[in-house]
PDB file of all heavy atoms in Angstrom:
ATOM      1  N   ARG A   1       4.939  12.415 -11.688  1.00  0.00           N
ATOM      2  CA  ARG A   1       3.851  12.356 -12.736  1.00  0.00           C
ATOM      3  C   ARG A   1       2.574  11.879 -12.186  1.00  0.00           C
ATOM      4  O   ARG A   1       1.440  12.299 -12.628  1.00  0.00           O
ATOM      5  CB  ARG A   1       4.222  11.573 -13.927  1.00  0.00           C
ATOM      6  CG  ARG A   1       5.550  12.035 -14.616  1.00  0.00           C
ATOM      7  CD  ARG A   1       5.750  11.334 -15.947  1.00  0.00           C
ATOM      8  NE  ARG A   1       6.003   9.894 -15.707  1.00  0.00           N
ATOM      9  CZ  ARG A   1       5.212   8.923 -16.256  1.00  0.00           C
ATOM     10  NH1 ARG A   1       4.228   9.218 -17.081  1.00  0.00           N
ATOM     11  NH2 ARG A   1       5.444   7.610 -16.010  1.00  0.00           N
ATOM     12  N   PHE A   2       2.612  10.897 -11.291  1.00  0.00           N
ATOM     13  CA  PHE A   2       1.415  10.256 -10.753  1.00  0.00           C
ATOM     14  C   PHE A   2       1.253  10.744  -9.280  1.00  0.00           C
ATOM     15  O   PHE A   2       2.268  11.026  -8.613  1.00  0.00           O
ATOM     16  CB  PHE A   2       1.540   8.813 -10.734  1.00  0.00           C
ATOM     17  CG  PHE A   2       1.514   8.165 -12.061  1.00  0.00           C
ATOM     18  CD1 PHE A   2       1.530   8.850 -13.224  1.00  0.00           C
ATOM     19  CD2 PHE A   2       1.339   6.780 -12.187  1.00  0.00           C
ATOM     20  CE1 PHE A   2       1.522   8.270 -14.475  1.00  0.00           C
ATOM     21  CE2 PHE A   2       1.274   6.090 -13.396  1.00  0.00           C
ATOM     22  CZ  PHE A   2       1.372   6.897 -14.571  1.00  0.00           C
ATOM     23  N   ALA A   3       0.031  10.788  -8.933  1.00  0.00           N
ATOM     24  CA  ALA A   3      -0.259  11.176  -7.472  1.00  0.00           C
ATOM     25  C   ALA A   3      -1.355  10.244  -6.965  1.00  0.00           C
ATOM     26  O   ALA A   3      -2.444  10.161  -7.535  1.00  0.00           O
ATOM     27  CB  ALA A   3      -0.752  12.548  -7.291  1.00  0.00           C
ATOM     28  N   ILE A   4      -1.105   9.579  -5.871  1.00  0.00           N
ATOM     29  CA  ILE A   4      -2.092   8.708  -5.213  1.00  0.00           C
ATOM     30  C   ILE A   4      -2.805   9.439  -4.040  1.00  0.00           C
ATOM     31  O   ILE A   4      -2.127  10.178  -3.296  1.00  0.00           O
ATOM     32  CB  ILE A   4      -1.498   7.352  -4.706  1.00  0.00           C
ATOM     33  CG1 ILE A   4      -2.562   6.365  -4.362  1.00  0.00           C
ATOM     34  CG2 ILE A   4      -0.459   7.593  -3.640  1.00  0.00           C
ATOM     35  CD1 ILE A   4      -1.904   4.966  -4.144  1.00  0.00           C
ATOM     36  N   SER A   5      -4.046   9.252  -3.860  1.00  0.00           N
ATOM     37  CA  SER A   5      -4.718   9.871  -2.804  1.00  0.00           C
ATOM     38  C   SER A   5      -5.944   8.980  -2.437  1.00  0.00           C
ATOM     39  O   SER A   5      -6.229   8.037  -3.102  1.00  0.00           O
ATOM     40  CB  SER A   5      -5.205  11.237  -3.177  1.00  0.00           C
ATOM     41  OG  SER A   5      -6.164  11.253  -4.233  1.00  0.00           O
ATOM     42  N   ARG A   6      -6.516   9.283  -1.188  1.00  0.00           N
ATOM     43  CA  ARG A   6      -7.629   8.479  -0.788  1.00  0.00           C
ATOM     44  C   ARG A   6      -8.698   9.393  -0.154  1.00  0.00           C
ATOM     45  O   ARG A   6      -8.398  10.422   0.412  1.00  0.00           O
ATOM     46  CB  ARG A   6      -7.231   7.393   0.143  1.00  0.00           C
ATOM     47  CG  ARG A   6      -6.617   7.831   1.476  1.00  0.00           C
ATOM     48  CD  ARG A   6      -5.909   6.668   2.196  1.00  0.00           C
ATOM     49  NE  ARG A   6      -6.728   5.506   2.281  1.00  0.00           N
ATOM     50  CZ  ARG A   6      -6.298   4.297   2.570  1.00  0.00           C
ATOM     51  NH1 ARG A   6      -4.952   4.072   2.761  1.00  0.00           N
ATOM     52  NH2 ARG A   6      -7.115   3.286   2.680  1.00  0.00           N
ATOM     53  N   ASP A   7      -9.970   8.987  -0.333  1.00  0.00           N
ATOM     54  CA  ASP A   7     -11.058   9.632   0.342  1.00  0.00           C
ATOM     55  C   ASP A   7     -11.776   8.550   1.133  1.00  0.00           C
ATOM     56  O   ASP A   7     -12.516   7.764   0.717  1.00  0.00           O
ATOM     57  CB  ASP A   7     -12.034  10.231  -0.717  1.00  0.00           C
ATOM     58  CG  ASP A   7     -13.139  10.973  -0.094  1.00  0.00           C
ATOM     59  OD1 ASP A   7     -13.450  10.739   1.055  1.00  0.00           O
ATOM     60  OD2 ASP A   7     -13.814  11.776  -0.871  1.00  0.00           O
ATOM     61  N   ASN A   8     -11.433   8.545   2.480  1.00  0.00           N
ATOM     62  CA  ASN A   8     -11.899   7.544   3.373  1.00  0.00           C
ATOM     63  C   ASN A   8     -13.426   7.576   3.503  1.00  0.00           C
ATOM     64  O   ASN A   8     -14.082   6.571   3.721  1.00  0.00           O
ATOM     65  CB  ASN A   8     -11.242   7.579   4.712  1.00  0.00           C
ATOM     66  CG  ASN A   8      -9.752   7.064   4.580  1.00  0.00           C
ATOM     67  OD1 ASN A   8      -9.411   6.411   3.606  1.00  0.00           O
ATOM     68  ND2 ASN A   8      -8.960   7.394   5.573  1.00  0.00           N
ATOM     69  N   ALA A   9     -14.009   8.739   3.378  1.00  0.00           N
ATOM     70  CA  ALA A   9     -15.463   8.878   3.467  1.00  0.00           C
ATOM     71  C   ALA A   9     -16.124   8.100   2.287  1.00  0.00           C
ATOM     72  O   ALA A   9     -17.259   7.735   2.479  1.00  0.00           O
ATOM     73  CB  ALA A   9     -15.873  10.374   3.484  1.00  0.00           C
ATOM     74  N   LYS A  10     -15.482   7.949   1.226  1.00  0.00           N
ATOM     75  CA  LYS A  10     -16.030   7.257   0.048  1.00  0.00           C
ATOM     76  C   LYS A  10     -15.398   5.935  -0.115  1.00  0.00           C
ATOM     77  O   LYS A  10     -15.680   5.253  -1.188  1.00  0.00           O
ATOM     78  CB  LYS A  10     -15.831   8.107  -1.229  1.00  0.00           C
ATOM     79  CG  LYS A  10     -16.511   9.483  -1.142  1.00  0.00           C
ATOM     80  CD  LYS A  10     -16.326  10.213  -2.498  1.00  0.00           C
ATOM     81  CE  LYS A  10     -17.055  11.565  -2.389  1.00  0.00           C
ATOM     82  NZ  LYS A  10     -16.862  12.371  -3.678  1.00  0.00           N
ATOM     83  N   ASN A  11     -14.586   5.477   0.781  1.00  0.00           N
ATOM     84  CA  ASN A  11     -13.861   4.187   0.643  1.00  0.00           C
ATOM     85  C   ASN A  11     -13.181   4.091  -0.756  1.00  0.00           C
ATOM     86  O   ASN A  11     -13.273   2.995  -1.362  1.00  0.00           O
ATOM     87  CB  ASN A  11     -14.882   3.078   0.767  1.00  0.00           C
ATOM     88  CG  ASN A  11     -15.464   2.963   2.178  1.00  0.00           C
ATOM     89  OD1 ASN A  11     -14.993   3.563   3.123  1.00  0.00           O
ATOM     90  ND2 ASN A  11     -16.691   2.354   2.285  1.00  0.00           N
ATOM     91  N   THR A  12     -12.527   5.117  -1.192  1.00  0.00           N
ATOM     92  CA  THR A  12     -12.032   5.144  -2.555  1.00  0.00           C
ATOM     93  C   THR A  12     -10.624   5.739  -2.491  1.00  0.00           C
ATOM     94  O   THR A  12     -10.241   6.625  -1.750  1.00  0.00           O
ATOM     95  CB  THR A  12     -12.857   6.033  -3.422  1.00  0.00           C
ATOM     96  OG1 THR A  12     -14.218   5.562  -3.431  1.00  0.00           O
ATOM     97  CG2 THR A  12     -12.354   6.095  -4.860  1.00  0.00           C
ATOM     98  N   VAL A  13      -9.792   5.071  -3.323  1.00  0.00           N
ATOM     99  CA  VAL A  13      -8.368   5.432  -3.533  1.00  0.00           C
ATOM    100  C   VAL A  13      -8.293   5.835  -5.004  1.00  0.00           C
ATOM    101  O   VAL A  13      -8.758   5.202  -5.913  1.00  0.00           O
ATOM    102  CB  VAL A  13      -7.372   4.423  -3.197  1.00  0.00           C
ATOM    103  CG1 VAL A  13      -5.935   4.761  -3.564  1.00  0.00           C
ATOM    104  CG2 VAL A  13      -7.465   4.133  -1.695  1.00  0.00           C
ATOM    105  N   TYR A  14      -7.623   6.973  -5.285  1.00  0.00           N
ATOM    106  CA  TYR A  14      -7.460   7.507  -6.563  1.00  0.00           C
ATOM    107  C   TYR A  14      -5.960   7.376  -7.067  1.00  0.00           C
ATOM    108  O   TYR A  14      -4.986   7.526  -6.248  1.00  0.00           O
ATOM    109  CB  TYR A  14      -7.872   8.974  -6.650  1.00  0.00           C
ATOM    110  CG  TYR A  14      -9.297   9.227  -6.152  1.00  0.00           C
ATOM    111  CD1 TYR A  14      -9.601   9.623  -4.900  1.00  0.00           C
ATOM    112  CD2 TYR A  14     -10.386   8.954  -7.064  1.00  0.00           C
ATOM    113  CE1 TYR A  14     -10.918   9.825  -4.455  1.00  0.00           C
ATOM    114  CE2 TYR A  14     -11.694   9.091  -6.594  1.00  0.00           C
ATOM    115  CZ  TYR A  14     -11.936   9.517  -5.325  1.00  0.00           C
ATOM    116  OH  TYR A  14     -13.254   9.754  -4.948  1.00  0.00           O
ATOM    117  N   LEU A  15      -5.768   7.416  -8.394  1.00  0.00           N
ATOM    118  CA  LEU A  15      -4.537   7.540  -8.985  1.00  0.00           C
ATOM    119  C   LEU A  15      -4.611   8.563 -10.060  1.00  0.00           C
ATOM    120  O   LEU A  15      -5.167   8.361 -11.118  1.00  0.00           O
ATOM    121  CB  LEU A  15      -3.902   6.275  -9.511  1.00  0.00           C
ATOM    122  CG  LEU A  15      -2.480   6.349  -9.981  1.00  0.00           C
ATOM    123  CD1 LEU A  15      -1.495   6.576  -8.837  1.00  0.00           C
ATOM    124  CD2 LEU A  15      -2.089   5.084 -10.728  1.00  0.00           C
ATOM    125  N   GLN A  16      -4.083   9.817  -9.795  1.00  0.00           N
ATOM    126  CA  GLN A  16      -3.968  10.883 -10.861  1.00  0.00           C
ATOM    127  C   GLN A  16      -2.746  10.631 -11.623  1.00  0.00           C
ATOM    128  O   GLN A  16      -1.670  10.669 -11.103  1.00  0.00           O
ATOM    129  CB  GLN A  16      -4.056  12.186 -10.175  1.00  0.00           C
ATOM    130  CG  GLN A  16      -3.940  13.408 -11.208  1.00  0.00           C
ATOM    131  CD  GLN A  16      -5.115  13.441 -12.061  1.00  0.00           C
ATOM    132  OE1 GLN A  16      -6.328  13.440 -11.636  1.00  0.00           O
ATOM    133  NE2 GLN A  16      -4.974  13.703 -13.360  1.00  0.00           N
ATOM    134  N   MET A  17      -2.904  10.433 -12.940  1.00  0.00           N
ATOM    135  CA  MET A  17      -1.819  10.181 -13.843  1.00  0.00           C
ATOM    136  C   MET A  17      -1.649  11.387 -14.869  1.00  0.00           C
ATOM    137  O   MET A  17      -2.588  11.595 -15.617  1.00  0.00           O
ATOM    138  CB  MET A  17      -2.038   8.882 -14.557  1.00  0.00           C
ATOM    139  CG  MET A  17      -2.227   7.722 -13.612  1.00  0.00           C
ATOM    140  SD  MET A  17      -2.280   6.139 -14.485  1.00  0.00           S
ATOM    141  CE  MET A  17      -3.748   6.337 -15.524  1.00  0.00           C
ATOM    142  N   ASN A  18      -0.535  11.963 -14.817  1.00  0.00           N
ATOM    143  CA  ASN A  18      -0.302  13.139 -15.647  1.00  0.00           C
ATOM    144  C   ASN A  18       0.955  12.885 -16.514  1.00  0.00           C
ATOM    145  O   ASN A  18       1.710  11.919 -16.206  1.00  0.00           O
ATOM    146  CB  ASN A  18       0.024  14.405 -14.849  1.00  0.00           C
ATOM    147  CG  ASN A  18      -1.189  14.865 -13.935  1.00  0.00           C
ATOM    148  OD1 ASN A  18      -2.398  14.673 -14.449  1.00  0.00           O
ATOM    149  ND2 ASN A  18      -1.011  15.330 -12.831  1.00  0.00           N
ATOM    150  N   SER A  19       1.136  13.595 -17.595  1.00  0.00           N
ATOM    151  CA  SER A  19       2.282  13.469 -18.474  1.00  0.00           C
ATOM    152  C   SER A  19       2.390  12.038 -18.902  1.00  0.00           C
ATOM    153  O   SER A  19       3.555  11.485 -18.748  1.00  0.00           O
ATOM    154  CB  SER A  19       3.518  13.949 -17.817  1.00  0.00           C
ATOM    155  OG  SER A  19       3.366  15.373 -17.418  1.00  0.00           O
ATOM    156  N   LEU A  20       1.355  11.397 -19.333  1.00  0.00           N
ATOM    157  CA  LEU A  20       1.296   9.961 -19.581  1.00  0.00           C
ATOM    158  C   LEU A  20       2.265   9.709 -20.796  1.00  0.00           C
ATOM    159  O   LEU A  20       2.361  10.454 -21.701  1.00  0.00           O
ATOM    160  CB  LEU A  20      -0.027   9.442 -19.843  1.00  0.00           C
ATOM    161  CG  LEU A  20      -0.857   9.207 -18.542  1.00  0.00           C
ATOM    162  CD1 LEU A  20      -2.290   9.142 -18.798  1.00  0.00           C
ATOM    163  CD2 LEU A  20      -0.344   7.909 -17.817  1.00  0.00           C
ATOM    164  N   LYS A  21       2.965   8.553 -20.693  1.00  0.00           N
ATOM    165  CA  LYS A  21       3.879   8.116 -21.710  1.00  0.00           C
ATOM    166  C   LYS A  21       3.381   6.807 -22.314  1.00  0.00           C
ATOM    167  O   LYS A  21       2.694   5.981 -21.601  1.00  0.00           O
ATOM    168  CB  LYS A  21       5.301   7.928 -21.179  1.00  0.00           C
ATOM    169  CG  LYS A  21       5.877   9.126 -20.461  1.00  0.00           C
ATOM    170  CD  LYS A  21       7.103   8.811 -19.798  1.00  0.00           C
ATOM    171  CE  LYS A  21       7.760  10.006 -19.093  1.00  0.00           C
ATOM    172  NZ  LYS A  21       9.069   9.675 -18.502  1.00  0.00           N
ATOM    173  N   PRO A  22       3.716   6.410 -23.498  1.00  0.00           N
ATOM    174  CA  PRO A  22       3.388   5.129 -24.061  1.00  0.00           C
ATOM    175  C   PRO A  22       3.778   3.888 -23.175  1.00  0.00           C
ATOM    176  O   PRO A  22       3.036   2.955 -23.036  1.00  0.00           O
ATOM    177  CB  PRO A  22       4.134   5.023 -25.341  1.00  0.00           C
ATOM    178  CG  PRO A  22       4.245   6.476 -25.818  1.00  0.00           C
ATOM    179  CD  PRO A  22       4.480   7.287 -24.519  1.00  0.00           C
ATOM    180  N   GLU A  23       4.838   4.102 -22.435  1.00  0.00           N
ATOM    181  CA  GLU A  23       5.291   3.023 -21.566  1.00  0.00           C
ATOM    182  C   GLU A  23       4.448   2.891 -20.323  1.00  0.00           C
ATOM    183  O   GLU A  23       4.617   1.879 -19.534  1.00  0.00           O
ATOM    184  CB  GLU A  23       6.790   3.100 -21.145  1.00  0.00           C
ATOM    185  CG  GLU A  23       7.160   4.547 -20.648  1.00  0.00           C
ATOM    186  CD  GLU A  23       7.678   5.453 -21.736  1.00  0.00           C
ATOM    187  OE1 GLU A  23       7.167   5.470 -22.855  1.00  0.00           O
ATOM    188  OE2 GLU A  23       8.751   6.096 -21.393  1.00  0.00           O
ATOM    189  N   ASP A  24       3.497   3.789 -20.128  1.00  0.00           N
ATOM    190  CA  ASP A  24       2.534   3.659 -19.016  1.00  0.00           C
ATOM    191  C   ASP A  24       1.341   2.752 -19.410  1.00  0.00           C
ATOM    192  O   ASP A  24       0.504   2.427 -18.571  1.00  0.00           O
ATOM    193  CB  ASP A  24       1.968   5.020 -18.555  1.00  0.00           C
ATOM    194  CG  ASP A  24       3.049   5.985 -18.013  1.00  0.00           C
ATOM    195  OD1 ASP A  24       3.824   5.460 -17.198  1.00  0.00           O
ATOM    196  OD2 ASP A  24       3.071   7.121 -18.356  1.00  0.00           O
ATOM    197  N   THR A  25       1.325   2.301 -20.647  1.00  0.00           N
ATOM    198  CA  THR A  25       0.225   1.489 -21.101  1.00  0.00           C
ATOM    199  C   THR A  25       0.241   0.133 -20.310  1.00  0.00           C
ATOM    200  O   THR A  25       1.285  -0.544 -20.375  1.00  0.00           O
ATOM    201  CB  THR A  25       0.343   1.248 -22.647  1.00  0.00           C
ATOM    202  OG1 THR A  25       0.213   2.441 -23.343  1.00  0.00           O
ATOM    203  CG2 THR A  25      -0.657   0.165 -23.135  1.00  0.00           C
ATOM    204  N   ALA A  26      -0.841  -0.212 -19.685  1.00  0.00           N
ATOM    205  CA  ALA A  26      -0.936  -1.419 -18.916  1.00  0.00           C
ATOM    206  C   ALA A  26      -2.359  -1.519 -18.340  1.00  0.00           C
ATOM    207  O   ALA A  26      -3.171  -0.695 -18.515  1.00  0.00           O
ATOM    208  CB  ALA A  26       0.065  -1.340 -17.761  1.00  0.00           C
ATOM    209  N   VAL A  27      -2.592  -2.696 -17.774  1.00  0.00           N
ATOM    210  CA  VAL A  27      -3.805  -2.868 -16.962  1.00  0.00           C
ATOM    211  C   VAL A  27      -3.448  -2.447 -15.573  1.00  0.00           C
ATOM    212  O   VAL A  27      -2.438  -2.898 -15.005  1.00  0.00           O
ATOM    213  CB  VAL A  27      -4.345  -4.276 -17.022  1.00  0.00           C
ATOM    214  CG1 VAL A  27      -5.574  -4.326 -16.180  1.00  0.00           C
ATOM    215  CG2 VAL A  27      -4.644  -4.718 -18.421  1.00  0.00           C
ATOM    216  N   TYR A  28      -4.250  -1.528 -14.999  1.00  0.00           N
ATOM    217  CA  TYR A  28      -3.935  -1.041 -13.685  1.00  0.00           C
ATOM    218  C   TYR A  28      -4.902  -1.666 -12.680  1.00  0.00           C
ATOM    219  O   TYR A  28      -6.126  -1.752 -12.906  1.00  0.00           O
ATOM    220  CB  TYR A  28      -4.103   0.483 -13.651  1.00  0.00           C
ATOM    221  CG  TYR A  28      -2.948   1.218 -14.252  1.00  0.00           C
ATOM    222  CD1 TYR A  28      -2.754   1.152 -15.632  1.00  0.00           C
ATOM    223  CD2 TYR A  28      -2.021   1.966 -13.471  1.00  0.00           C
ATOM    224  CE1 TYR A  28      -1.621   1.796 -16.230  1.00  0.00           C
ATOM    225  CE2 TYR A  28      -0.922   2.557 -14.091  1.00  0.00           C
ATOM    226  CZ  TYR A  28      -0.749   2.450 -15.455  1.00  0.00           C
ATOM    227  OH  TYR A  28       0.296   3.096 -16.067  1.00  0.00           O
ATOM    228  N   TYR A  29      -4.397  -2.053 -11.517  1.00  0.00           N
ATOM    229  CA  TYR A  29      -5.114  -2.698 -10.468  1.00  0.00           C
ATOM    230  C   TYR A  29      -4.923  -2.001  -9.137  1.00  0.00           C
ATOM    231  O   TYR A  29      -3.782  -1.474  -8.899  1.00  0.00           O
ATOM    232  CB  TYR A  29      -4.643  -4.214 -10.270  1.00  0.00           C
ATOM    233  CG  TYR A  29      -4.664  -5.065 -11.522  1.00  0.00           C
ATOM    234  CD1 TYR A  29      -3.635  -5.099 -12.408  1.00  0.00           C
ATOM    235  CD2 TYR A  29      -5.815  -5.882 -11.735  1.00  0.00           C
ATOM    236  CE1 TYR A  29      -3.663  -5.913 -13.522  1.00  0.00           C
ATOM    237  CE2 TYR A  29      -5.824  -6.730 -12.808  1.00  0.00           C
ATOM    238  CZ  TYR A  29      -4.758  -6.770 -13.700  1.00  0.00           C
ATOM    239  OH  TYR A  29      -4.879  -7.554 -14.826  1.00  0.00           O
ATOM    240  N   CYS A  30      -5.824  -2.166  -8.226  1.00  0.00           N
ATOM    241  CA  CYS A  30      -5.544  -1.718  -6.892  1.00  0.00           C
ATOM    242  C   CYS A  30      -5.681  -3.006  -6.028  1.00  0.00           C
ATOM    243  O   CYS A  30      -6.304  -3.945  -6.320  1.00  0.00           O
ATOM    244  CB  CYS A  30      -6.575  -0.651  -6.417  1.00  0.00           C
ATOM    245  SG  CYS A  30      -8.224  -1.149  -6.372  1.00  0.00           S
ATOM    246  N   ASN A  31      -4.963  -2.883  -4.912  1.00  0.00           N
ATOM    247  CA  ASN A  31      -4.926  -3.994  -3.940  1.00  0.00           C
ATOM    248  C   ASN A  31      -4.327  -3.426  -2.650  1.00  0.00           C
ATOM    249  O   ASN A  31      -3.835  -2.305  -2.625  1.00  0.00           O
ATOM    250  CB  ASN A  31      -4.112  -5.125  -4.444  1.00  0.00           C
ATOM    251  CG  ASN A  31      -4.443  -6.485  -3.812  1.00  0.00           C
ATOM    252  OD1 ASN A  31      -4.703  -6.515  -2.583  1.00  0.00           O
ATOM    253  ND2 ASN A  31      -4.329  -7.588  -4.571  1.00  0.00           N
ATOM    254  N   THR A  32      -4.368  -4.213  -1.627  1.00  0.00           N
ATOM    255  CA  THR A  32      -3.633  -3.828  -0.474  1.00  0.00           C
ATOM    256  C   THR A  32      -2.208  -3.871  -0.700  1.00  0.00           C
ATOM    257  O   THR A  32      -1.739  -4.430  -1.658  1.00  0.00           O
ATOM    258  CB  THR A  32      -4.010  -4.770   0.756  1.00  0.00           C
ATOM    259  OG1 THR A  32      -3.706  -6.098   0.354  1.00  0.00           O
ATOM    260  CG2 THR A  32      -5.472  -4.597   1.125  1.00  0.00           C
ATOM    261  N   TRP A  33      -1.382  -3.277   0.180  1.00  0.00           N
ATOM    262  CA  TRP A  33       0.076  -3.456   0.167  1.00  0.00           C
ATOM    263  C   TRP A  33       0.502  -4.039   1.484  1.00  0.00           C
ATOM    264  O   TRP A  33       0.261  -3.401   2.521  1.00  0.00           O
ATOM    265  CB  TRP A  33       0.768  -2.200  -0.217  1.00  0.00           C
ATOM    266  CG  TRP A  33       2.246  -2.367  -0.377  1.00  0.00           C
ATOM    267  CD1 TRP A  33       2.983  -2.830  -1.482  1.00  0.00           C
ATOM    268  CD2 TRP A  33       3.251  -2.286   0.644  1.00  0.00           C
ATOM    269  NE1 TRP A  33       4.259  -2.920  -1.205  1.00  0.00           N
ATOM    270  CE2 TRP A  33       4.491  -2.629   0.050  1.00  0.00           C
ATOM    271  CE3 TRP A  33       3.167  -1.965   2.022  1.00  0.00           C
ATOM    272  CZ2 TRP A  33       5.689  -2.610   0.828  1.00  0.00           C
ATOM    273  CZ3 TRP A  33       4.323  -1.906   2.732  1.00  0.00           C
ATOM    274  CH2 TRP A  33       5.638  -2.270   2.149  1.00  0.00           C
ATOM    275  N   PRO A  34       1.171  -5.130   1.502  1.00  0.00           N
ATOM    276  CA  PRO A  34       1.407  -6.087   0.419  1.00  0.00           C
ATOM    277  C   PRO A  34       0.093  -6.640  -0.174  1.00  0.00           C
ATOM    278  O   PRO A  34      -0.913  -6.595   0.462  1.00  0.00           O
ATOM    279  CB  PRO A  34       2.229  -7.206   1.070  1.00  0.00           C
ATOM    280  CG  PRO A  34       2.700  -6.761   2.337  1.00  0.00           C
ATOM    281  CD  PRO A  34       1.750  -5.709   2.772  1.00  0.00           C
ATOM    282  N   PRO A  35       0.148  -7.048  -1.386  1.00  0.00           N
ATOM    283  CA  PRO A  35      -1.086  -7.440  -1.994  1.00  0.00           C
ATOM    284  C   PRO A  35      -1.619  -8.797  -1.492  1.00  0.00           C
ATOM    285  O   PRO A  35      -0.805  -9.629  -1.011  1.00  0.00           O
ATOM    286  CB  PRO A  35      -0.734  -7.612  -3.477  1.00  0.00           C
ATOM    287  CG  PRO A  35       0.758  -7.941  -3.529  1.00  0.00           C
ATOM    288  CD  PRO A  35       1.257  -7.131  -2.358  1.00  0.00           C
ATOM    289  N   SER A  36      -2.917  -8.953  -1.588  1.00  0.00           N
ATOM    290  CA  SER A  36      -3.614 -10.212  -1.158  1.00  0.00           C
ATOM    291  C   SER A  36      -4.231 -10.771  -2.431  1.00  0.00           C
ATOM    292  O   SER A  36      -4.894 -10.105  -3.236  1.00  0.00           O
ATOM    293  CB  SER A  36      -4.700  -9.831  -0.195  1.00  0.00           C
ATOM    294  OG  SER A  36      -5.484 -11.025   0.002  1.00  0.00           O
ATOM    295  N   THR A  37      -4.000 -12.146  -2.536  1.00  0.00           N
ATOM    296  CA  THR A  37      -4.621 -12.740  -3.778  1.00  0.00           C
ATOM    297  C   THR A  37      -6.090 -12.665  -3.782  1.00  0.00           C
ATOM    298  O   THR A  37      -6.760 -12.706  -4.800  1.00  0.00           O
ATOM    299  CB  THR A  37      -4.222 -14.216  -3.797  1.00  0.00           C
ATOM    300  OG1 THR A  37      -4.592 -14.806  -2.573  1.00  0.00           O
ATOM    301  CG2 THR A  37      -2.711 -14.380  -3.944  1.00  0.00           C
ATOM    302  N   ALA A  38      -6.721 -12.469  -2.583  1.00  0.00           N
ATOM    303  CA  ALA A  38      -8.209 -12.332  -2.458  1.00  0.00           C
ATOM    304  C   ALA A  38      -8.762 -11.082  -3.116  1.00  0.00           C
ATOM    305  O   ALA A  38      -9.950 -10.985  -3.403  1.00  0.00           O
ATOM    306  CB  ALA A  38      -8.622 -12.415  -1.010  1.00  0.00           C
TER     307      ALA A  38
END
């Protein structure tokens, strides 16, 4: 349902979310993986 992609020329990462469900309700964050508190 979801697709992650990146455009390095724009320093941007995207998350395309399709067929959304009520259980997808949340605050969404990006971070490195593993995540950094910074």
